[in-house]
Every structure is written in C-alpha cells, then in structure tokens.
Amino acid sequence: MIEIHTTNYHTPIHCIICGTQTTDAEGSVVSCSHLVFLGMVEGVEFSIYDNVDEDDEEEYECQYDAQLNEFRKELDDEYLCIHVDVPAPSFATYCIIYNTHNITKSTDPVN
C-alpha cells in the first residue's frame, strides 16, 4: 500500500480515479467503487471489509493503528492510503484507502 500524508484537512478529498468527492472535510462520506476504507482514531466510517470491527474494550487509537498495520501487510501497491492529519489543538487523524487497480477500461475510441 502506498501511503501519503497531508495536513490539508479543510479541503474535500476526491477519489483519484473517478473524481467522486469522498469526504467534504466536515464528516460526510460518499462511497465510490474505488473507496476501500475511511477510518479515524474515533472509529470506522466506511469499510468494504467485514473483519474491520470496533472492539469496545480496546482503545480507539490502538484499534486504528492495528487496522492500519493489517492493511499494510495485506494490501499491495495498487492501493493508495491518504493520511490526513489535523494540527493542534485537535491532533485528529484519519485515513482514506482507495483501490487504484479497480479501474474500468473503456474500449471506445478517443475522439
């Protein structure tokens, strides 16, 4: 999985493949066929994986780190993870993972 980090938290994030506005930087999430995961320290907002769950007994930050580590092991470089870090005072962080090899190829000629 390729990972990039940004502190540009106040700008909406769009899917790099289809252009769908995945998040509006206000907490709204819109899925597209390329979105795999959107999670933050406070919990998972969207995931295509059934095994991503929230265990109430474990601290949220530990869960978040464990999920990211599992994705790092399981996902190849055809997945892109964008880490968004919010500076002080909140120090919030979230990540969005896209499947970049889930691209529909058109057979129509380009005019």
Protein backbone atom coordinates (compact mmCIF):
# COMPACT_ATOMS: atom_id res chain seq x y z
CA MET A 1 0.00 0.00 0.00
CA ILE A 2 1.32 3.39 -0.97
CA GLU A 3 0.89 5.95 1.78
CA ILE A 4 0.91 9.73 1.58
CA HIS A 5 0.41 12.24 4.38
CA THR A 6 -1.22 15.65 4.27
CA THR A 7 -2.24 18.34 6.72
CA ASN A 8 -4.67 19.82 4.19
CA TYR A 9 -7.63 18.81 6.36
CA HIS A 10 -10.00 21.63 5.42
CA THR A 11 -10.21 20.65 1.73
CA PRO A 12 -12.62 17.98 0.46
CA ILE A 13 -10.96 14.80 -0.79
CA HIS A 14 -11.92 13.33 -4.14
CA CYS A 15 -11.31 9.83 -5.49
CA ILE A 16 -8.20 9.93 -7.66
CA ILE A 17 -9.78 7.54 -10.16
CA CYS A 18 -13.38 8.71 -10.73
CA GLY A 19 -13.38 12.15 -9.10
CA THR A 20 -16.18 11.41 -6.60
CA GLN A 21 -15.97 13.70 -3.57
CA THR A 22 -15.30 11.06 -0.92
CA THR A 23 -15.36 13.41 2.05
CA ASP A 24 -16.30 17.05 2.39
CA ALA A 25 -13.88 17.70 5.28
CA GLU A 26 -16.92 18.11 7.54
CA GLY A 27 -17.54 14.43 8.30
CA SER A 28 -19.71 13.41 5.35
CA VAL A 29 -18.66 10.26 3.47
CA VAL A 30 -19.71 9.32 -0.06
CA SER A 31 -18.55 5.94 -1.33
CA CYS A 32 -17.49 5.08 -4.85
CA SER A 33 -16.35 1.78 -6.35
CA HIS A 34 -12.71 2.64 -5.54
CA LEU A 35 -13.15 3.51 -1.86
CA VAL A 36 -11.97 0.68 0.36
CA PHE A 37 -11.75 2.24 3.82
CA LEU A 38 -12.24 5.52 5.63
CA GLY A 39 -11.37 5.45 9.28
CA MET A 40 -10.21 7.66 12.08
CA VAL A 41 -8.99 7.22 15.61
CA GLU A 42 -12.59 7.52 16.84
CA GLY A 43 -13.81 4.65 14.62
CA VAL A 44 -14.50 3.34 11.14
CA GLU A 45 -16.71 5.42 8.88
CA PHE A 46 -16.63 3.14 5.84
CA SER A 47 -15.07 -0.23 5.03
CA ILE A 48 -15.64 -2.91 2.42
CA TYR A 49 -14.06 -5.43 4.79
CA ASP A 50 -16.27 -7.36 7.19
CA ASN A 51 -13.37 -8.11 9.53
CA VAL A 52 -12.82 -4.44 10.36
CA ASP A 53 -14.72 -4.10 13.58
CA GLU A 54 -14.70 -1.94 16.64
CA ASP A 55 -13.94 -3.66 19.93
CA ASP A 56 -15.27 -1.59 22.82
CA GLU A 57 -12.65 -2.97 25.19
CA GLU A 58 -9.70 -1.70 23.19
CA GLU A 59 -8.71 1.95 22.99
CA TYR A 60 -9.70 3.61 19.71
CA GLU A 61 -6.14 4.67 18.90
CA CYS A 62 -4.85 1.10 19.34
CA GLN A 63 -7.62 -0.20 17.07
CA TYR A 64 -6.82 2.40 14.41
CA ASP A 65 -3.11 1.56 14.46
CA ALA A 66 -3.83 -2.19 14.38
CA GLN A 67 -6.15 -1.81 11.40
CA LEU A 68 -3.60 0.25 9.50
CA ASN A 69 -0.87 -2.28 10.24
CA GLU A 70 -3.09 -5.07 8.94
CA PHE A 71 -3.79 -3.10 5.76
CA ARG A 72 -0.04 -2.50 5.34
CA LYS A 73 0.53 -6.26 5.45
CA GLU A 74 -2.40 -7.27 3.24
CA LEU A 75 -2.68 -4.58 0.56
CA ASP A 76 -0.23 -4.26 -2.32
CA ASP A 77 0.94 -1.08 -4.06
CA GLU A 78 -2.24 -0.87 -6.10
CA TYR A 79 -3.88 0.64 -3.02
CA LEU A 80 -3.38 4.26 -2.02
CA CYS A 81 -3.76 5.43 1.57
CA ILE A 82 -4.12 9.15 2.22
CA HIS A 83 -3.44 10.09 5.83
CA VAL A 84 -4.98 13.40 6.84
CA ASP A 85 -3.53 14.92 10.00
CA VAL A 86 -5.16 17.88 11.73
CA PRO A 87 -2.77 20.12 13.67
CA ALA A 88 -3.22 21.34 17.23
CA PRO A 89 -5.36 21.67 19.19
CA SER A 90 -7.29 18.59 17.99
CA PHE A 91 -4.47 16.42 16.58
CA ALA A 92 -7.17 14.34 14.87
CA THR A 93 -6.14 11.95 12.13
CA TYR A 94 -7.97 9.86 9.57
CA CYS A 95 -7.11 7.84 6.52
CA ILE A 96 -8.79 7.06 3.23
CA ILE A 97 -7.79 3.98 1.22
CA TYR A 98 -8.55 3.66 -2.49
CA ASN A 99 -8.21 0.63 -4.76
CA THR A 100 -6.37 2.05 -7.76
CA HIS A 101 -6.48 -1.15 -9.79
CA ASN A 102 -10.27 -1.15 -9.76
CA ILE A 103 -10.31 0.94 -12.94
CA THR A 104 -12.91 0.44 -15.64
CA LYS A 105 -11.19 0.47 -19.02
CA SER A 106 -13.22 1.79 -21.91
CA THR A 107 -12.89 0.16 -25.32
CA ASP A 108 -14.45 3.17 -27.05
CA PRO A 109 -12.11 5.10 -29.35
CA VAL A 110 -11.00 8.50 -28.15
CA ASN A 111 -12.16 11.30 -30.44
